[in-house]
C-alpha atoms as a PDB file:
ATOM      1  CA  UNK A   1     -64.594  37.393   8.601  1.00  0.00           C
ATOM      2  CA  UNK A   2     -62.001  35.043   8.193  1.00  0.00           C
ATOM      3  CA  UNK A   3     -59.174  35.056  10.527  1.00  0.00           C
ATOM      4  CA  UNK A   4     -55.579  35.181   8.738  1.00  0.00           C
ATOM      5  CA  UNK A   5     -52.912  32.684   9.698  1.00  0.00           C
ATOM      6  CA  UNK A   6     -49.946  32.890  12.089  1.00  0.00           C
ATOM      7  CA  UNK A   7     -46.769  32.804  10.454  1.00  0.00           C
ATOM      8  CA  UNK A   8     -44.501  30.167  11.500  1.00  0.00           C
ATOM      9  CA  UNK A   9     -40.941  30.868  10.456  1.00  0.00           C
ATOM     10  CA  UNK A  10     -39.480  28.049   9.145  1.00  0.00           C
ATOM     11  CA  UNK A  11     -36.495  25.852  10.732  1.00  0.00           C
ATOM     12  CA  UNK A  12     -32.914  27.305   9.574  1.00  0.00           C
ATOM     13  CA  UNK A  13     -30.697  23.914   8.897  1.00  0.00           C
ATOM     14  CA  UNK A  14     -27.498  24.193  11.055  1.00  0.00           C
ATOM     15  CA  UNK A  15     -24.365  24.691   8.339  1.00  0.00           C
ATOM     16  CA  UNK A  16     -22.888  21.842   6.826  1.00  0.00           C
ATOM     17  CA  UNK A  17     -19.798  21.161   8.809  1.00  0.00           C
ATOM     18  CA  UNK A  18     -17.329  20.346   6.268  1.00  0.00           C
ATOM     19  CA  UNK A  19     -15.723  16.972   6.288  1.00  0.00           C
ATOM     20  CA  UNK A  20     -12.513  15.973   8.157  1.00  0.00           C
ATOM     21  CA  UNK A  21      -9.154  14.268   6.905  1.00  0.00           C
ATOM     22  CA  UNK A  22     -10.581  11.071   8.169  1.00  0.00           C
ATOM     23  CA  UNK A  23     -13.916  11.259   7.019  1.00  0.00           C
ATOM     24  CA  UNK A  24     -12.409  12.248   3.431  1.00  0.00           C
ATOM     25  CA  UNK A  25      -9.929   9.479   3.309  1.00  0.00           C
ATOM     26  CA  UNK A  26     -12.629   7.071   4.409  1.00  0.00           C
ATOM     27  CA  UNK A  27     -14.987   8.407   2.215  1.00  0.00           C
ATOM     28  CA  UNK A  28     -12.124   7.934  -0.948  1.00  0.00           C
ATOM     29  CA  UNK A  29     -11.014   4.317  -0.071  1.00  0.00           C
ATOM     30  CA  UNK A  30     -14.900   3.527   1.020  1.00  0.00           C
ATOM     31  CA  UNK A  31     -16.451   4.913  -2.344  1.00  0.00           C
ATOM     32  CA  UNK A  32     -14.037   5.824  -5.288  1.00  0.00           C
ATOM     33  CA  UNK A  33     -12.449   2.864  -4.658  1.00  0.00           C
ATOM     34  CA  UNK A  34     -14.727   0.085  -2.818  1.00  0.00           C
ATOM     35  CA  UNK A  35     -12.368  -0.458  -0.421  1.00  0.00           C
ATOM     36  CA  UNK A  36     -13.471  -1.708   3.091  1.00  0.00           C
ATOM     37  CA  UNK A  37     -12.168   0.340   5.962  1.00  0.00           C
ATOM     38  CA  UNK A  38     -11.939  -0.185   9.730  1.00  0.00           C
ATOM     39  CA  UNK A  39     -14.641   1.913  11.953  1.00  0.00           C
ATOM     40  CA  UNK A  40     -12.691   4.059  14.194  1.00  0.00           C
ATOM     41  CA  UNK A  41      -9.531   6.781  13.669  1.00  0.00           C
ATOM     42  CA  UNK A  42      -7.323   6.762  12.449  1.00  0.00           C
ATOM     43  CA  UNK A  43      -8.609   5.335   8.901  1.00  0.00           C
ATOM     44  CA  UNK A  44      -7.566   1.693   8.378  1.00  0.00           C
ATOM     45  CA  UNK A  45      -8.109  -0.391   5.603  1.00  0.00           C
ATOM     46  CA  UNK A  46      -8.745  -4.257   5.554  1.00  0.00           C
ATOM     47  CA  UNK A  47      -6.050  -6.392   4.549  1.00  0.00           C
ATOM     48  CA  UNK A  48      -7.002  -9.828   2.634  1.00  0.00           C
ATOM     49  CA  UNK A  49     -10.246  -9.147   0.811  1.00  0.00           C
ATOM     50  CA  UNK A  50      -8.881  -6.727  -2.233  1.00  0.00           C
ATOM     51  CA  UNK A  51      -5.387  -7.406  -1.764  1.00  0.00           C
ATOM     52  CA  UNK A  52      -2.840  -8.556   0.325  1.00  0.00           C
ATOM     53  CA  UNK A  53       0.627  -6.855   1.531  1.00  0.00           C
ATOM     54  CA  UNK A  54       4.335  -7.052   1.691  1.00  0.00           C
ATOM     55  CA  UNK A  55       5.965  -5.440   4.501  1.00  0.00           C
ATOM     56  CA  UNK A  56       9.526  -4.696   4.094  1.00  0.00           C
ATOM     57  CA  UNK A  57      12.153  -1.992   4.957  1.00  0.00           C
ATOM     58  CA  UNK A  58      12.352   0.814   2.824  1.00  0.00           C
ATOM     59  CA  UNK A  59      15.435   0.787   1.784  1.00  0.00           C
ATOM     60  CA  UNK A  60      14.928  -2.981   0.546  1.00  0.00           C
ATOM     61  CA  UNK A  61      11.379  -1.921  -1.509  1.00  0.00           C
ATOM     62  CA  UNK A  62      13.196   1.008  -2.915  1.00  0.00           C
ATOM     63  CA  UNK A  63      16.260  -1.023  -4.403  1.00  0.00           C
ATOM     64  CA  UNK A  64      13.939  -3.730  -5.461  1.00  0.00           C
ATOM     65  CA  UNK A  65      11.314  -1.044  -7.089  1.00  0.00           C
ATOM     66  CA  UNK A  66      14.734  -0.093  -9.182  1.00  0.00           C
ATOM     67  CA  UNK A  67      14.963  -3.170 -10.217  1.00  0.00           C
ATOM     68  CA  UNK A  68      14.258  -3.270 -14.323  1.00  0.00           C
ATOM     69  CA  UNK A  69      12.222  -6.470 -13.527  1.00  0.00           C
ATOM     70  CA  UNK A  70       9.745  -4.608 -11.313  1.00  0.00           C
ATOM     71  CA  UNK A  71       9.513  -1.149 -12.847  1.00  0.00           C
ATOM     72  CA  UNK A  72       6.300   0.478 -12.816  1.00  0.00           C
ATOM     73  CA  UNK A  73       4.545  -1.597 -15.660  1.00  0.00           C
ATOM     74  CA  UNK A  74       0.836  -0.589 -17.093  1.00  0.00           C
ATOM     75  CA  UNK A  75      -1.242  -1.014 -14.948  1.00  0.00           C
ATOM     76  CA  UNK A  76       1.180  -0.318 -12.181  1.00  0.00           C
ATOM     77  CA  UNK A  77       0.572  -1.859  -8.659  1.00  0.00           C
ATOM     78  CA  UNK A  78       0.252   0.279  -5.367  1.00  0.00           C
ATOM     79  CA  UNK A  79       3.207   1.090  -3.101  1.00  0.00           C
ATOM     80  CA  UNK A  80       2.783   2.838   0.359  1.00  0.00           C
ATOM     81  CA  UNK A  81       5.391   3.898   2.727  1.00  0.00           C
ATOM     82  CA  UNK A  82       5.311   4.660   6.325  1.00  0.00           C
ATOM     83  CA  UNK A  83       8.585   5.552   8.545  1.00  0.00           C
ATOM     84  CA  UNK A  84      10.818   3.312   7.605  1.00  0.00           C
ATOM     85  CA  UNK A  85       8.817   0.353   5.673  1.00  0.00           C
ATOM     86  CA  UNK A  86       7.175  -0.144   2.295  1.00  0.00           C
ATOM     87  CA  UNK A  87       3.864  -1.842   1.573  1.00  0.00           C
ATOM     88  CA  UNK A  88       3.809  -3.176  -1.798  1.00  0.00           C
ATOM     89  CA  UNK A  89       0.675  -4.792  -2.338  1.00  0.00           C
ATOM     90  CA  UNK A  90      -0.155  -8.183  -3.921  1.00  0.00           C
ATOM     91  CA  UNK A  91      -3.084 -10.264  -4.573  1.00  0.00           C
ATOM     92  CA  UNK A  92      -5.150 -11.725  -2.361  1.00  0.00           C
ATOM     93  CA  UNK A  93      -4.092 -14.837  -0.958  1.00  0.00           C
ATOM     94  CA  UNK A  94      -0.475 -13.970  -1.360  1.00  0.00           C
ATOM     95  CA  UNK A  95       0.818 -14.033   2.201  1.00  0.00           C
ATOM     96  CA  UNK A  96      -0.503 -17.157   2.982  1.00  0.00           C
ATOM     97  CA  UNK A  97       1.410 -18.087  -0.287  1.00  0.00           C
ATOM     98  CA  UNK A  98       4.584 -16.035   1.041  1.00  0.00           C
ATOM     99  CA  UNK A  99       6.417 -18.825   3.472  1.00  0.00           C
ATOM    100  CA  UNK A 100       5.836 -21.522   0.903  1.00  0.00           C
ATOM    101  CA  UNK A 101       7.855 -19.499  -1.595  1.00  0.00           C
ATOM    102  CA  UNK A 102      10.736 -18.737   0.692  1.00  0.00           C
ATOM    103  CA  UNK A 103      11.260 -22.170   1.480  1.00  0.00           C
ATOM    104  CA  UNK A 104      11.269 -22.793  -1.946  1.00  0.00           C
ATOM    105  CA  UNK A 105      13.363 -19.787  -3.461  1.00  0.00           C
ATOM    106  CA  UNK A 106      15.811 -20.953  -0.436  1.00  0.00           C
ATOM    107  CA  UNK A 107      15.709 -17.910   1.703  1.00  0.00           C
ATOM    108  CA  UNK A 108      13.507 -19.337   4.308  1.00  0.00           C
ATOM    109  CA  UNK A 109      16.573 -19.806   6.677  1.00  0.00           C
ATOM    110  CA  UNK A 110      17.299 -16.564   7.086  1.00  0.00           C
ATOM    111  CA  UNK A 111      15.782 -13.317   9.167  1.00  0.00           C
ATOM    112  CA  UNK A 112      14.702 -10.811   6.099  1.00  0.00           C
ATOM    113  CA  UNK A 113      12.520  -9.151   7.986  1.00  0.00           C
ATOM    114  CA  UNK A 114       9.908  -9.505   5.016  1.00  0.00           C
ATOM    115  CA  UNK A 115       6.907  -9.473   6.872  1.00  0.00           C
ATOM    116  CA  UNK A 116       3.332 -10.781   4.765  1.00  0.00           C
ATOM    117  CA  UNK A 117      -0.256  -9.267   5.570  1.00  0.00           C
ATOM    118  CA  UNK A 118      -2.744 -11.003   4.821  1.00  0.00           C
ATOM    119  CA  UNK A 119      -6.355 -12.188   6.029  1.00  0.00           C
ATOM    120  CA  UNK A 120      -7.383 -10.894   9.389  1.00  0.00           C
ATOM    121  CA  UNK A 121      -4.550  -7.518   8.992  1.00  0.00           C
ATOM    122  CA  UNK A 122      -4.977  -3.883   8.435  1.00  0.00           C
ATOM    123  CA  UNK A 123      -2.561  -1.503   7.420  1.00  0.00           C
ATOM    124  CA  UNK A 124      -2.973   2.081   8.048  1.00  0.00           C
ATOM    125  CA  UNK A 125      -4.534   4.385   5.167  1.00  0.00           C
ATOM    126  CA  UNK A 126      -1.798   6.354   3.489  1.00  0.00           C
ATOM    127  CA  UNK A 127      -3.227   9.800   2.462  1.00  0.00           C
ATOM    128  CA  UNK A 128      -5.486  10.041  -0.816  1.00  0.00           C
ATOM    129  CA  UNK A 129      -3.520  11.854  -3.465  1.00  0.00           C
ATOM    130  CA  UNK A 130      -3.719  15.629  -3.560  1.00  0.00           C
ATOM    131  CA  UNK A 131      -4.711  15.748   0.124  1.00  0.00           C
ATOM    132  CA  UNK A 132      -1.181  15.312   1.565  1.00  0.00           C
ATOM    133  CA  UNK A 133       2.406  15.941   1.041  1.00  0.00           C
ATOM    134  CA  UNK A 134       4.233  14.237  -1.340  1.00  0.00           C
ATOM    135  CA  UNK A 135       5.719  10.439  -0.434  1.00  0.00           C
ATOM    136  CA  UNK A 136       8.940  10.066  -0.996  1.00  0.00           C
ATOM    137  CA  UNK A 137      11.416   7.534   0.056  1.00  0.00           C
ATOM    138  CA  UNK A 138      11.764   8.760   3.579  1.00  0.00           C
ATOM    139  CA  UNK A 139       9.774   8.902   6.761  1.00  0.00           C
ATOM    140  CA  UNK A 140       6.677  10.291   5.919  1.00  0.00           C
ATOM    141  CA  UNK A 141       5.378  13.108   8.312  1.00  0.00           C
ATOM    142  CA  UNK A 142       5.100  12.475  11.948  1.00  0.00           C
ATOM    143  CA  UNK A 143       4.907   8.689  10.752  1.00  0.00           C
ATOM    144  CA  UNK A 144       2.002   9.186   8.835  1.00  0.00           C
ATOM    145  CA  UNK A 145       1.254   6.342   5.552  1.00  0.00           C
ATOM    146  CA  UNK A 146       1.737   7.787   2.362  1.00  0.00           C
ATOM    147  CA  UNK A 147       1.019   6.487  -1.250  1.00  0.00           C
ATOM    148  CA  UNK A 148       4.672   6.351  -3.241  1.00  0.00           C
ATOM    149  CA  UNK A 149       2.492   4.653  -6.012  1.00  0.00           C
ATOM    150  CA  UNK A 150      -1.336   5.013  -5.473  1.00  0.00           C
ATOM    151  CA  UNK A 151      -4.313   3.397  -6.703  1.00  0.00           C
ATOM    152  CA  UNK A 152      -6.449   4.364  -9.519  1.00  0.00           C
ATOM    153  CA  UNK A 153     -10.212   5.271  -8.993  1.00  0.00           C
ATOM    154  CA  UNK A 154     -11.842   3.430 -11.484  1.00  0.00           C
ATOM    155  CA  UNK A 155      -9.778   0.683 -11.790  1.00  0.00           C
ATOM    156  CA  UNK A 156     -10.251  -2.648 -10.560  1.00  0.00           C
ATOM    157  CA  UNK A 157      -6.791  -2.608  -8.355  1.00  0.00           C
ATOM    158  CA  UNK A 158      -7.250  -7.081  -8.800  1.00  0.00           C
ATOM    159  CA  UNK A 159      -5.557  -6.424 -12.315  1.00  0.00           C
ATOM    160  CA  UNK A 160      -2.524  -4.519 -11.468  1.00  0.00           C
ATOM    161  CA  UNK A 161      -1.578  -6.719  -8.315  1.00  0.00           C
ATOM    162  CA  UNK A 162       1.675  -9.553  -8.516  1.00  0.00           C
ATOM    163  CA  UNK A 163       0.641 -13.044  -8.141  1.00  0.00           C
ATOM    164  CA  UNK A 164       1.072 -16.539  -8.247  1.00  0.00           C
ATOM    165  CA  UNK A 165       1.031 -16.710 -12.417  1.00  0.00           C
ATOM    166  CA  UNK A 166       2.729 -19.884 -14.165  1.00  0.00           C
ATOM    167  CA  UNK A 167       3.051 -17.932 -17.408  1.00  0.00           C
ATOM    168  CA  UNK A 168       5.064 -15.198 -15.680  1.00  0.00           C
ATOM    169  CA  UNK A 169       6.977 -17.110 -13.916  1.00  0.00           C
ATOM    170  CA  UNK A 170       8.189 -18.879 -16.457  1.00  0.00           C
ATOM    171  CA  UNK A 171       9.263 -15.539 -18.189  1.00  0.00           C
ATOM    172  CA  UNK A 172       5.954 -14.486 -20.017  1.00  0.00           C
ATOM    173  CA  UNK A 173       4.563 -10.673 -20.061  1.00  0.00           C
ATOM    174  CA  UNK A 174       2.337  -8.781 -18.163  1.00  0.00           C
ATOM    175  CA  UNK A 175       1.849  -5.274 -16.726  1.00  0.00           C
ATOM    176  CA  UNK A 176       2.916  -6.180 -13.230  1.00  0.00           C
ATOM    177  CA  UNK A 177       5.642  -8.223 -11.753  1.00  0.00           C
ATOM    178  CA  UNK A 178       5.416 -11.676 -11.136  1.00  0.00           C
ATOM    179  CA  UNK A 179       4.663 -12.492  -7.569  1.00  0.00           C
ATOM    180  CA  UNK A 180       7.458 -14.713  -7.049  1.00  0.00           C
ATOM    181  CA  UNK A 181      10.009 -12.344  -8.967  1.00  0.00           C
ATOM    182  CA  UNK A 182       8.698  -9.473  -6.668  1.00  0.00           C
ATOM    183  CA  UNK A 183       9.687 -11.696  -3.830  1.00  0.00           C
ATOM    184  CA  UNK A 184      13.086 -12.909  -4.942  1.00  0.00           C
ATOM    185  CA  UNK A 185      14.082  -9.568  -5.285  1.00  0.00           C
ATOM    186  CA  UNK A 186      13.079  -8.065  -2.153  1.00  0.00           C
ATOM    187  CA  UNK A 187      14.823 -10.838  -0.488  1.00  0.00           C
ATOM    188  CA  UNK A 188      17.366 -10.465  -2.001  1.00  0.00           C
ATOM    189  CA  UNK A 189      17.922  -6.892  -1.103  1.00  0.00           C
ATOM    190  CA  UNK A 190      16.550  -7.689   2.486  1.00  0.00           C
ATOM    191  CA  UNK A 191      19.713  -9.652   2.685  1.00  0.00           C
ATOM    192  CA  UNK A 192      21.776  -7.165   1.415  1.00  0.00           C
ATOM    193  CA  UNK A 193      21.201  -4.807   3.877  1.00  0.00           C
ATOM    194  CA  UNK A 194      20.970  -7.592   7.039  1.00  0.00           C
ATOM    195  CA  UNK A 195      24.824  -8.101   5.546  1.00  0.00           C
ATOM    196  CA  UNK A 196      25.716  -4.271   5.484  1.00  0.00           C
ATOM    197  CA  UNK A 197      24.569  -4.212   8.834  1.00  0.00           C
ATOM    198  CA  UNK A 198      26.509  -7.209  10.245  1.00  0.00           C
ATOM    199  CA  UNK A 199      29.692  -5.860   8.598  1.00  0.00           C
ATOM    200  CA  UNK A 200      28.793  -2.790  10.298  1.00  0.00           C
ATOM    201  CA  UNK A 201      28.864  -0.690   6.635  1.00  0.00           C
ATOM    202  CA  UNK A 202      27.106   2.238   6.118  1.00  0.00           C
ATOM    203  CA  UNK A 203      23.278   2.353   5.344  1.00  0.00           C
ATOM    204  CA  UNK A 204      22.401   3.522   1.752  1.00  0.00           C
ATOM    205  CA  UNK A 205      21.565   7.289   2.148  1.00  0.00           C
ATOM    206  CA  UNK A 206      17.994   7.903   1.540  1.00  0.00           C
ATOM    207  CA  UNK A 207      16.949   9.243  -1.797  1.00  0.00           C
ATOM    208  CA  UNK A 208      13.753  10.663  -2.866  1.00  0.00           C
ATOM    209  CA  UNK A 209      12.385   9.889  -5.835  1.00  0.00           C
ATOM    210  CA  UNK A 210       9.106   9.877  -7.963  1.00  0.00           C
ATOM    211  CA  UNK A 211       6.539   7.345  -8.958  1.00  0.00           C
END
């Protein structure tokens, strides 16, 4: 008589742990955008590969984005805010060009509080769109970085970033603003803020606006 084999219960896999916000953000940057992130928490983005960053005072950045020559084009370059700073994404290599560009524009003798972040630096990863509060021109919750104008998945970010261009510097067209025009406009507003502070004049009140 042939005996029956004992029934062995199959192991039940443990429930899959839902992704925490940090994991979701890292997945969005690495898989949707193809941007490199730095291991560990909080999520930080590698700067200098796909883009560089102009880090400027929030008020100066806000005023610069309202300038007619720098209003969002097609495509629009990404912009992030964090606390009292604005981060304008620009073409990779722009941070290295910044000191010489400021000299050429005759802004180099002034302390403008305008910083270029390039290769070897990092920035806090803003909350991906649709997963946090809407970015506005004021400090984010607990100083978290947020997108004012987020990058678009499926679109190469490089095509939207301000860059050194002989054609656009001479007044040619293009969707994104030329780096020379962008730096000159931001530097002008940084200088105006500096003068107001030196004269003891009140700062402009923050005003929220959409992308």
